[in-house]
Amino acid sequence: MITSKKRLWEVIFASSAGTVIEWYDFYIFGSLAAIISTKFFPPENPAAAFLSTLATHGAGFVARPFGAIVFGRLGDMIGRKYTFLVTLMLMGGSTFAIAFIPQYASIGILAPIILLVLRVLQGLALGGEYGGAATYVAEHSPDNQRGKFTSYIQTTASIGFFISIIVILGCQFTLGKSVFNEWGWRLPFALSGFLVVLSYFIRRNMDESPAFAKLKKEGNITKTPLRDAFKSKANVRLMLIAMFGAIIGQGAIWHTSQFYAQIFITKILNVEYSSAQTVMAVAVTCATPFFVIFGTLSDRIGRKKVMMAGLLGASLFLYPLYKGLDHAVNSGTILETKITPEAQVSTYTDGKKLTQTYVKLPNGKTEIKTEIILPSTTLFIVGLLVFIQVLFATMAYGPIAAFLVELFPTKIRYTSLSIPYNVANGIFGGCSPFVATWLGSLTGSKFAGLYYPILLTSISFIVGMIFIKETAGSKLEDE
């Protein structure tokens, strides 16, 4: 391990900068799902178009395990550094290309097909990125502070998510809603090209990690990391424990708190889009330092205790938190109603305004668009309830990079870490927004979608409590 703190911070900065950009690229799609659904899918059925967009969003997560297999193998064979340079360029190029896809009205069915292909490429890239960044930082970190330093990698997902919201709101404010909805939504995707080039120059001069460099010098690099990872029953068992005992629950609460929360607030509760996005950005920003706080705490009291506390909290409190969101938005009685040619506006006793606008669809039918404008006191309550959700996610997510790195031997670490992480977090966790929204539409219940993340966090808590052994403080050289 290296001893220079200055060098270690350079490693963290270089790794985090690229990973933030990759998450930004990945999440602007989810943040713009409502607009994308109107551009790339048939307009006759808005509900089906939105579900199709969420399914395309989920396809990126489904592709992540395949990216883990491809890039995990490369990372264990040719090195951590070069592999996540490739993933960075693949992610950035795919995101940049989304900005230039013609709409459904221009090229028909080709529009959603091209969008799906690019989304899958994004997923492949992200499947290789996280494992590389986490492994690279962990292999530079001191044994007794690995939770602290790897937790900075954990913050990158929320920072990328936050930047995506800020860029979207900035473009929307500058251009105006109508222009943004017409073509300005493409700008956040186009910006990715500049960010990726910047990150490439930051990353290209990094050295290989000490642990991998030592293996390479000794001639112990595996030529078949995928086979080696699966031929050992003990290693496969560890991968399964990691997947079901920690990652599926962590992925479920993370994606629920940051993505399904958006969908629930804007699409189900009909809160005005820009204020909802602002609340999300503030809540995520306030919670982000807790990744490092809980990662550091895991160095002192253990990874397992911190992760299990987050999973248990999510299992017990997700449902009450969403009931609280519903109550905050829909409480109060109507004080007065004004009907104009454009809309019907109702004012509530607590200052909320409900606007119902009649919109003509391309198929000739009329749709009522409902939007609720909340006063600042109610927005604060909504933000607090979102913050608590994200706080549980930081507990489950903050220590997990250190835990996974300590679980597997150096020779096959990139592969062994990346596959269970991306299967569990990508498929189970990443599909949470789609599954939750689908369950809600299927049952007609506002809260039916919560059963899925509650189930996953409960499974992880039970499996983790029984099978996970503490890894904090272990030496990576001891294989």
Protein backbone atom coordinates (compact mmCIF):
# COMPACT_ATOMS: atom_id res chain seq x y z
CA MET A 1 0.00 0.00 0.00
CA ILE A 2 1.12 3.55 -0.60
CA THR A 3 1.85 5.78 2.40
CA SER A 4 1.66 9.22 0.82
CA LYS A 5 -1.63 10.91 1.71
CA LYS A 6 -1.15 13.39 -1.13
CA ARG A 7 -0.91 10.57 -3.65
CA LEU A 8 -3.91 8.82 -2.14
CA TRP A 9 -6.06 11.95 -2.53
CA GLU A 10 -4.90 12.27 -6.14
CA VAL A 11 -6.06 8.68 -6.72
CA ILE A 12 -9.44 9.36 -5.08
CA PHE A 13 -9.93 12.58 -7.06
CA ALA A 14 -9.03 11.02 -10.41
CA SER A 15 -11.19 7.95 -9.80
CA SER A 16 -14.12 9.94 -8.43
CA ALA A 17 -14.09 12.59 -11.17
CA GLY A 18 -14.59 10.00 -13.89
CA THR A 19 -17.14 8.03 -11.90
CA VAL A 20 -19.18 11.17 -11.16
CA ILE A 21 -19.34 11.87 -14.90
CA GLU A 22 -20.37 8.29 -15.65
CA TRP A 23 -23.18 8.48 -13.08
CA TYR A 24 -24.20 11.88 -14.45
CA ASP A 25 -24.40 10.35 -17.91
CA PHE A 26 -26.38 7.40 -16.64
CA TYR A 27 -28.86 9.36 -14.56
CA ILE A 28 -29.85 12.23 -16.81
CA PHE A 29 -31.83 9.59 -18.69
CA GLY A 30 -33.84 8.75 -15.58
CA SER A 31 -34.29 12.39 -14.60
CA LEU A 32 -35.65 13.18 -18.08
CA ALA A 33 -37.77 10.03 -18.39
CA ALA A 34 -41.06 11.95 -18.51
CA ILE A 35 -39.85 14.09 -21.45
CA ILE A 36 -38.05 11.26 -23.25
CA SER A 37 -41.26 9.21 -23.23
CA THR A 38 -42.93 11.88 -25.39
CA LYS A 39 -40.04 12.08 -27.89
CA PHE A 40 -39.06 8.49 -28.69
CA PHE A 41 -42.23 6.45 -28.24
CA PRO A 42 -45.68 6.42 -29.90
CA PRO A 43 -47.71 9.33 -28.49
CA GLU A 44 -51.13 7.64 -28.56
CA ASN A 45 -50.78 6.11 -25.07
CA PRO A 46 -48.78 8.35 -22.68
CA ALA A 47 -48.88 5.83 -19.82
CA ALA A 48 -47.50 3.04 -22.02
CA ALA A 49 -44.85 5.42 -23.40
CA PHE A 50 -43.70 6.31 -19.89
CA LEU A 51 -43.52 2.64 -18.85
CA SER A 52 -41.57 1.91 -22.06
CA THR A 53 -39.13 4.68 -21.16
CA LEU A 54 -38.67 3.24 -17.66
CA ALA A 55 -38.13 -0.20 -19.22
CA THR A 56 -35.44 1.31 -21.48
CA HIS A 57 -33.95 2.97 -18.40
CA GLY A 58 -33.95 -0.44 -16.72
CA ALA A 59 -32.30 -2.06 -19.76
CA GLY A 60 -29.16 -0.12 -18.91
CA PHE A 61 -29.12 -1.78 -15.51
CA VAL A 62 -29.80 -5.22 -16.97
CA ALA A 63 -26.75 -4.73 -19.21
CA ARG A 64 -24.50 -3.96 -16.25
CA PRO A 65 -23.70 -7.62 -15.34
CA PHE A 66 -22.50 -8.23 -18.89
CA GLY A 67 -20.28 -5.16 -18.60
CA ALA A 68 -19.00 -6.57 -15.32
CA ILE A 69 -18.06 -9.85 -17.02
CA VAL A 70 -16.30 -8.16 -19.96
CA PHE A 71 -14.54 -5.37 -18.10
CA GLY A 72 -13.97 -7.31 -14.88
CA ARG A 73 -12.03 -9.85 -16.92
CA LEU A 74 -10.01 -7.09 -18.61
CA GLY A 75 -9.37 -5.40 -15.26
CA ASP A 76 -7.89 -8.58 -13.77
CA MET A 77 -5.86 -9.29 -16.92
CA ILE A 78 -4.50 -5.94 -18.13
CA GLY A 79 -5.04 -3.66 -15.13
CA ARG A 80 -7.51 -1.47 -13.29
CA LYS A 81 -6.42 1.85 -14.83
CA TYR A 82 -6.70 1.00 -18.52
CA THR A 83 -10.02 -0.77 -18.11
CA PHE A 84 -11.89 2.12 -16.58
CA LEU A 85 -10.44 4.50 -19.18
CA VAL A 86 -12.24 2.36 -21.77
CA THR A 87 -15.50 2.33 -19.77
CA LEU A 88 -15.34 6.12 -19.43
CA MET A 89 -15.07 6.67 -23.18
CA LEU A 90 -17.82 4.14 -23.94
CA MET A 91 -20.20 5.77 -21.46
CA GLY A 92 -19.48 9.30 -22.65
CA GLY A 93 -19.80 8.46 -26.32
CA SER A 94 -23.14 6.72 -25.81
CA THR A 95 -24.58 9.58 -23.77
CA PHE A 96 -23.36 12.21 -26.22
CA ALA A 97 -25.02 10.29 -29.09
CA ILE A 98 -28.44 10.35 -27.34
CA ALA A 99 -28.47 14.13 -27.85
CA PHE A 100 -28.68 13.63 -31.60
CA ILE A 101 -31.23 10.82 -32.03
CA PRO A 102 -34.14 11.93 -34.27
CA GLN A 103 -37.55 11.72 -32.61
CA TYR A 104 -40.26 9.09 -33.17
CA ALA A 105 -42.16 11.55 -35.35
CA SER A 106 -39.18 11.64 -37.76
CA ILE A 107 -37.90 8.05 -37.95
CA GLY A 108 -40.63 5.99 -36.27
CA ILE A 109 -39.69 2.75 -34.53
CA LEU A 110 -35.98 3.32 -35.20
CA ALA A 111 -35.98 6.06 -32.53
CA PRO A 112 -36.69 3.79 -29.52
CA ILE A 113 -34.42 1.07 -30.99
CA ILE A 114 -31.43 3.41 -31.24
CA LEU A 115 -32.21 4.76 -27.77
CA LEU A 116 -32.28 1.22 -26.37
CA VAL A 117 -28.95 0.31 -28.00
CA LEU A 118 -27.24 3.39 -26.58
CA ARG A 119 -28.77 2.75 -23.17
CA VAL A 120 -27.41 -0.81 -23.20
CA LEU A 121 -23.94 0.51 -24.09
CA GLN A 122 -24.21 2.87 -21.11
CA GLY A 123 -25.04 -0.10 -18.90
CA LEU A 124 -22.10 -2.11 -20.20
CA ALA A 125 -19.76 0.78 -19.42
CA LEU A 126 -21.12 1.32 -15.92
CA GLY A 127 -20.86 -2.41 -15.22
CA GLY A 128 -17.10 -2.12 -15.59
CA GLU A 129 -16.63 1.34 -14.09
CA TYR A 130 -17.71 0.89 -10.48
CA GLY A 131 -15.70 -2.26 -9.81
CA GLY A 132 -12.60 -0.66 -11.29
CA ALA A 133 -12.90 2.57 -9.32
CA ALA A 134 -13.68 0.82 -6.03
CA THR A 135 -10.88 -1.70 -6.47
CA TYR A 136 -8.38 0.94 -7.55
CA VAL A 137 -9.00 3.21 -4.56
CA ALA A 138 -9.17 0.32 -2.07
CA GLU A 139 -5.87 -1.12 -3.28
CA HIS A 140 -4.22 2.24 -2.57
CA SER A 141 -5.82 2.70 0.88
CA PRO A 142 -4.46 1.81 4.34
CA ASP A 143 -6.13 -1.24 5.90
CA ASN A 144 -7.56 0.67 8.88
CA GLN A 145 -9.09 3.47 6.76
CA ARG A 146 -10.34 1.62 3.72
CA GLY A 147 -13.99 2.29 4.56
CA LYS A 148 -13.33 6.02 4.78
CA PHE A 149 -11.42 6.38 1.52
CA THR A 150 -13.57 4.06 -0.61
CA SER A 151 -16.71 5.82 0.63
CA TYR A 152 -15.70 8.81 -1.50
CA ILE A 153 -16.36 6.57 -4.52
CA GLN A 154 -19.82 5.90 -3.04
CA THR A 155 -20.61 9.62 -3.03
CA THR A 156 -20.07 9.81 -6.80
CA ALA A 157 -23.46 8.27 -7.62
CA SER A 158 -25.32 10.90 -5.61
CA ILE A 159 -23.07 13.71 -6.84
CA GLY A 160 -23.65 12.60 -10.44
CA PHE A 161 -27.37 12.44 -9.74
CA PHE A 162 -27.25 15.93 -8.16
CA ILE A 163 -25.32 17.40 -11.11
CA SER A 164 -27.81 15.88 -13.54
CA ILE A 165 -30.67 17.63 -11.74
CA ILE A 166 -28.80 20.96 -11.54
CA VAL A 167 -27.91 20.87 -15.24
CA ILE A 168 -31.51 20.03 -16.18
CA LEU A 169 -32.95 22.77 -13.98
CA GLY A 170 -30.34 25.25 -15.27
CA CYS A 171 -31.20 24.49 -18.88
CA GLN A 172 -34.92 24.64 -18.12
CA PHE A 173 -34.57 28.01 -16.35
CA THR A 174 -32.38 29.50 -19.10
CA LEU A 175 -34.42 28.30 -22.06
CA GLY A 176 -37.88 28.30 -20.53
CA LYS A 177 -40.14 25.27 -20.10
CA SER A 178 -41.57 25.16 -23.61
CA VAL A 179 -38.19 25.45 -25.39
CA PHE A 180 -36.61 22.96 -22.98
CA ASN A 181 -39.39 20.44 -23.59
CA GLU A 182 -39.14 20.97 -27.35
CA TRP A 183 -35.37 20.58 -27.86
CA GLY A 184 -33.45 21.88 -24.82
CA TRP A 185 -33.60 18.49 -23.09
CA ARG A 186 -30.85 17.41 -25.52
CA LEU A 187 -28.30 19.82 -23.99
CA PRO A 188 -27.59 17.80 -20.80
CA PHE A 189 -26.72 14.80 -23.01
CA ALA A 190 -24.53 16.90 -25.30
CA LEU A 191 -22.62 18.33 -22.32
CA SER A 192 -21.37 14.82 -21.59
CA GLY A 193 -18.91 15.02 -24.48
CA PHE A 194 -17.01 17.89 -22.85
CA LEU A 195 -17.06 16.28 -19.38
CA VAL A 196 -15.74 12.95 -20.64
CA VAL A 197 -12.81 14.56 -22.47
CA LEU A 198 -11.97 16.48 -19.29
CA SER A 199 -12.10 13.32 -17.18
CA TYR A 200 -9.96 11.39 -19.66
CA PHE A 201 -7.13 13.88 -19.27
CA ILE A 202 -7.45 13.66 -15.49
CA ARG A 203 -7.28 9.86 -15.50
CA ARG A 204 -4.79 9.05 -18.22
CA ASN A 205 -1.68 9.80 -16.11
CA MET A 206 -2.67 7.61 -13.16
CA ASP A 207 -0.40 4.72 -12.13
CA GLU A 208 -1.58 1.14 -11.77
CA SER A 209 -2.66 0.08 -8.25
CA PRO A 210 0.12 -1.29 -5.97
CA ALA A 211 -1.62 -4.64 -5.44
CA PHE A 212 -2.05 -5.28 -9.17
CA ALA A 213 1.45 -3.97 -9.97
CA LYS A 214 2.88 -6.43 -7.43
CA LEU A 215 0.98 -9.33 -9.02
CA LYS A 216 2.20 -8.29 -12.46
CA LYS A 217 5.81 -8.03 -11.32
CA GLU A 218 5.64 -11.50 -9.76
CA GLY A 219 4.01 -12.96 -12.90
CA ASN A 220 0.89 -14.03 -10.98
CA ILE A 221 -1.74 -12.31 -13.10
CA THR A 222 -4.51 -14.72 -14.06
CA LYS A 223 -5.24 -15.33 -17.73
CA THR A 224 -8.69 -16.73 -16.95
CA PRO A 225 -10.21 -14.55 -14.20
CA LEU A 226 -13.79 -15.49 -15.02
CA ARG A 227 -13.08 -19.22 -14.83
CA ASP A 228 -10.97 -18.77 -11.68
CA ALA A 229 -13.74 -16.77 -9.99
CA PHE A 230 -16.31 -19.50 -10.58
CA LYS A 231 -14.24 -22.66 -10.23
CA SER A 232 -13.75 -22.06 -6.50
CA LYS A 233 -16.84 -23.03 -4.50
CA ALA A 234 -15.69 -20.82 -1.64
CA ASN A 235 -15.43 -17.80 -3.96
CA VAL A 236 -18.84 -18.46 -5.52
CA ARG A 237 -20.32 -18.71 -2.02
CA LEU A 238 -18.80 -15.32 -1.15
CA MET A 239 -20.25 -13.81 -4.33
CA LEU A 240 -23.73 -15.11 -3.46
CA ILE A 241 -23.48 -13.87 0.14
CA ALA A 242 -22.40 -10.44 -1.08
CA MET A 243 -25.21 -10.32 -3.62
CA PHE A 244 -28.12 -11.46 -1.44
CA GLY A 245 -26.78 -10.38 1.94
CA ALA A 246 -25.97 -6.77 1.07
CA ILE A 247 -26.16 -5.58 -2.53
CA ILE A 248 -29.75 -6.31 -3.61
CA GLY A 249 -31.07 -4.46 -0.58
CA GLN A 250 -28.59 -1.61 -0.96
CA GLY A 251 -29.49 -1.25 -4.64
CA ALA A 252 -33.21 -1.28 -3.88
CA ILE A 253 -33.10 1.46 -1.26
CA TRP A 254 -30.66 3.59 -3.27
CA HIS A 255 -32.72 3.53 -6.48
CA THR A 256 -35.99 3.88 -4.61
CA SER A 257 -34.84 6.89 -2.61
CA GLN A 258 -33.38 8.73 -5.59
CA PHE A 259 -35.46 7.60 -8.57
CA TYR A 260 -38.76 6.14 -7.50
CA ALA A 261 -39.10 9.06 -5.07
CA GLN A 262 -38.98 11.39 -8.10
CA ILE A 263 -41.59 9.34 -9.95
CA PHE A 264 -43.82 9.13 -6.88
CA ILE A 265 -43.67 12.87 -6.21
CA THR A 266 -44.07 14.08 -9.82
CA LYS A 267 -46.13 11.38 -11.56
CA ILE A 268 -48.25 9.94 -8.73
CA LEU A 269 -48.63 12.94 -6.42
CA ASN A 270 -48.49 15.40 -9.38
CA VAL A 271 -46.15 17.89 -7.73
CA GLU A 272 -44.85 20.58 -10.11
CA TYR A 273 -41.69 19.25 -11.83
CA SER A 274 -39.08 21.94 -11.17
CA SER A 275 -39.89 22.33 -7.46
CA ALA A 276 -39.89 18.52 -7.05
CA GLN A 277 -36.49 18.31 -8.73
CA THR A 278 -35.16 21.11 -6.54
CA VAL A 279 -36.33 19.30 -3.40
CA MET A 280 -34.67 16.09 -4.63
CA ALA A 281 -31.41 17.93 -5.32
CA VAL A 282 -31.35 19.55 -1.87
CA ALA A 283 -32.22 16.30 -0.07
CA VAL A 284 -29.55 14.32 -1.94
CA THR A 285 -26.94 17.05 -1.35
CA CYS A 286 -27.63 17.13 2.40
CA ALA A 287 -27.40 13.33 2.63
CA THR A 288 -24.27 12.87 0.49
CA PRO A 289 -21.68 13.57 3.26
CA PHE A 290 -23.15 10.66 5.21
CA PHE A 291 -21.62 8.20 2.71
CA VAL A 292 -18.23 9.22 4.10
CA ILE A 293 -19.49 9.43 7.69
CA PHE A 294 -20.85 5.88 7.60
CA GLY A 295 -17.87 4.60 5.59
CA THR A 296 -15.55 6.01 8.25
CA LEU A 297 -17.75 4.62 11.03
CA SER A 298 -17.46 1.17 9.45
CA ASP A 299 -13.68 1.32 9.97
CA ARG A 300 -14.33 1.66 13.69
CA ILE A 301 -17.34 -0.54 14.45
CA GLY A 302 -17.40 -2.81 11.39
CA ARG A 303 -18.98 -2.87 7.93
CA LYS A 304 -21.73 -5.31 8.84
CA LYS A 305 -23.30 -3.27 11.64
CA VAL A 306 -23.57 -0.12 9.54
CA MET A 307 -24.91 -1.83 6.40
CA MET A 308 -27.46 -3.93 8.30
CA ALA A 309 -28.72 -0.85 10.18
CA GLY A 310 -29.43 0.87 6.86
CA LEU A 311 -31.21 -2.16 5.44
CA LEU A 312 -33.33 -2.62 8.56
CA GLY A 313 -34.24 1.08 8.61
CA ALA A 314 -35.37 0.94 4.98
CA SER A 315 -37.40 -2.24 5.56
CA LEU A 316 -39.27 -0.72 8.50
CA PHE A 317 -39.72 2.89 7.44
CA LEU A 318 -40.08 3.08 3.64
CA TYR A 319 -43.85 2.60 3.75
CA PRO A 320 -44.47 5.19 6.52
CA LEU A 321 -42.20 7.67 4.71
CA TYR A 322 -44.24 7.43 1.50
CA LYS A 323 -47.49 7.66 3.44
CA GLY A 324 -46.02 10.84 4.91
CA LEU A 325 -45.25 12.20 1.43
CA ASP A 326 -48.82 11.53 0.34
CA HIS A 327 -50.23 13.20 3.45
CA ALA A 328 -47.97 16.26 3.09
CA VAL A 329 -49.01 16.83 -0.53
CA ASN A 330 -52.71 15.96 -0.30
CA SER A 331 -53.70 17.30 3.11
CA GLY A 332 -55.80 20.46 3.43
CA THR A 333 -59.17 21.48 1.99
CA ILE A 334 -60.02 23.59 -1.05
CA LEU A 335 -60.52 27.25 -0.18
CA GLU A 336 -61.55 28.50 -3.63
CA THR A 337 -61.58 27.39 -7.27
CA LYS A 338 -61.19 29.55 -10.38
CA ILE A 339 -62.01 28.28 -13.87
CA THR A 340 -60.34 29.92 -16.88
CA PRO A 341 -60.31 28.90 -20.58
CA GLU A 342 -56.81 27.45 -20.06
CA ALA A 343 -57.12 25.71 -16.69
CA GLN A 344 -58.99 25.13 -13.45
CA VAL A 345 -57.03 26.39 -10.42
CA SER A 346 -57.91 25.39 -6.85
CA THR A 347 -56.32 27.01 -3.80
CA TYR A 348 -56.08 25.03 -0.55
CA THR A 349 -56.30 26.28 3.01
CA ASP A 350 -52.59 25.58 3.58
CA GLY A 351 -51.43 27.52 0.50
CA LYS A 352 -51.19 24.69 -2.05
CA LYS A 353 -52.42 25.32 -5.59
CA LEU A 354 -53.79 22.56 -7.81
CA THR A 355 -53.87 23.30 -11.55
CA GLN A 356 -55.81 21.12 -13.99
CA THR A 357 -55.05 21.80 -17.65
CA TYR A 358 -56.83 20.16 -20.58
CA VAL A 359 -54.31 18.86 -23.13
CA LYS A 360 -55.25 17.50 -26.58
CA LEU A 361 -53.34 14.34 -27.50
CA PRO A 362 -52.24 13.47 -31.08
CA ASN A 363 -54.95 10.80 -31.21
CA GLY A 364 -57.63 13.48 -30.71
CA LYS A 365 -58.43 12.56 -27.11
CA THR A 366 -58.28 15.06 -24.29
CA GLU A 367 -56.11 14.46 -21.22
CA ILE A 368 -56.30 16.34 -17.93
CA LYS A 369 -52.83 17.33 -16.76
CA THR A 370 -52.78 17.87 -13.00
CA GLU A 371 -50.00 19.81 -11.26
CA ILE A 372 -49.71 20.79 -7.61
CA ILE A 373 -47.65 23.80 -6.56
CA LEU A 374 -46.54 23.44 -2.93
CA PRO A 375 -45.73 26.20 -0.45
CA SER A 376 -42.23 26.30 1.04
CA THR A 377 -43.26 24.72 4.36
CA THR A 378 -44.70 21.67 2.60
CA LEU A 379 -41.68 21.43 0.30
CA PHE A 380 -39.47 21.33 3.38
CA ILE A 381 -41.47 18.38 4.78
CA VAL A 382 -41.26 16.56 1.42
CA GLY A 383 -37.50 17.19 1.30
CA LEU A 384 -37.05 15.90 4.86
CA LEU A 385 -38.90 12.67 4.07
CA VAL A 386 -36.75 12.14 0.98
CA PHE A 387 -33.60 12.92 3.00
CA ILE A 388 -34.43 10.17 5.53
CA GLN A 389 -34.77 7.65 2.68
CA VAL A 390 -31.42 8.66 1.22
CA LEU A 391 -29.87 8.48 4.71
CA PHE A 392 -30.77 4.78 4.92
CA ALA A 393 -29.19 4.36 1.47
CA THR A 394 -25.94 5.98 2.66
CA MET A 395 -25.77 3.55 5.59
CA ALA A 396 -26.19 0.54 3.31
CA TYR A 397 -23.98 1.95 0.53
CA GLY A 398 -21.20 3.84 2.32
CA PRO A 399 -19.18 0.82 3.56
CA ILE A 400 -20.03 -1.57 0.72
CA ALA A 401 -17.04 -0.89 -1.56
CA ALA A 402 -14.57 -1.65 1.24
CA PHE A 403 -16.58 -4.71 2.25
CA LEU A 404 -16.58 -6.13 -1.30
CA VAL A 405 -12.90 -5.45 -1.94
CA GLU A 406 -11.92 -7.12 1.35
CA LEU A 407 -14.04 -10.15 0.50
CA PHE A 408 -12.10 -11.29 -2.60
CA PRO A 409 -8.46 -12.08 -3.48
CA THR A 410 -6.43 -9.58 -5.54
CA LYS A 411 -5.95 -11.90 -8.51
CA ILE A 412 -9.69 -12.12 -9.28
CA ARG A 413 -10.97 -9.16 -7.26
CA TYR A 414 -12.20 -6.98 -10.15
CA THR A 415 -14.23 -9.86 -11.64
CA SER A 416 -15.47 -11.31 -8.33
CA LEU A 417 -16.59 -7.89 -7.09
CA SER A 418 -18.11 -6.58 -10.29
CA ILE A 419 -20.34 -9.53 -11.19
CA PRO A 420 -22.41 -9.82 -7.97
CA TYR A 421 -22.48 -6.04 -7.55
CA ASN A 422 -23.85 -5.40 -11.01
CA VAL A 423 -26.25 -8.35 -11.05
CA ALA A 424 -27.73 -7.35 -7.70
CA ASN A 425 -27.51 -3.57 -7.98
CA GLY A 426 -28.13 -3.43 -11.70
CA ILE A 427 -30.94 -5.91 -12.25
CA PHE A 428 -32.66 -6.09 -8.85
CA GLY A 429 -31.98 -2.53 -7.68
CA GLY A 430 -31.90 -0.72 -11.01
CA CYS A 431 -35.26 -2.11 -12.06
CA SER A 432 -36.89 -0.87 -8.85
CA PRO A 433 -38.39 2.28 -10.45
CA PHE A 434 -39.90 0.27 -13.30
CA VAL A 435 -41.19 -2.58 -11.13
CA ALA A 436 -42.58 -0.19 -8.51
CA THR A 437 -44.33 1.95 -11.14
CA TRP A 438 -45.69 -1.15 -12.89
CA LEU A 439 -47.03 -2.57 -9.61
CA GLY A 440 -48.73 0.74 -8.89
CA SER A 441 -50.38 0.88 -12.32
CA LEU A 442 -51.37 -2.80 -12.10
CA THR A 443 -53.04 -2.53 -8.71
CA GLY A 444 -54.21 1.08 -8.81
CA SER A 445 -52.62 1.63 -5.40
CA LYS A 446 -50.25 4.53 -4.74
CA PHE A 447 -48.17 2.42 -2.39
CA ALA A 448 -48.09 -1.02 -4.03
CA GLY A 449 -44.75 -0.18 -5.67
CA LEU A 450 -43.08 -0.06 -2.25
CA TYR A 451 -43.55 -3.77 -1.64
CA TYR A 452 -40.71 -4.58 -4.04
CA PRO A 453 -37.90 -2.53 -2.38
CA ILE A 454 -39.18 -3.50 1.09
CA LEU A 455 -38.97 -7.18 0.09
CA LEU A 456 -35.41 -6.81 -1.23
CA THR A 457 -34.10 -4.85 1.77
CA SER A 458 -35.70 -7.40 4.12
CA ILE A 459 -34.09 -10.32 2.26
CA SER A 460 -30.67 -8.67 2.41
CA PHE A 461 -31.02 -7.89 6.11
CA ILE A 462 -31.92 -11.49 7.00
CA VAL A 463 -29.27 -13.10 4.77
CA GLY A 464 -26.63 -10.56 5.80
CA MET A 465 -27.24 -11.01 9.52
CA ILE A 466 -26.87 -14.79 9.19
CA PHE A 467 -24.03 -15.17 6.68
CA ILE A 468 -21.90 -12.00 6.45
CA LYS A 469 -18.69 -12.03 8.46
CA GLU A 470 -16.88 -8.86 9.43
CA THR A 471 -14.09 -7.80 7.03
CA ALA A 472 -13.04 -4.41 8.44
CA GLY A 473 -9.30 -4.01 8.93
CA SER A 474 -8.30 -7.11 6.94
CA LYS A 475 -5.17 -6.99 4.81
CA LEU A 476 -5.67 -7.28 1.06
CA GLU A 477 -2.41 -9.23 0.72
CA ASP A 478 -3.79 -12.10 2.85
CA GLU A 479 -5.44 -14.32 0.27
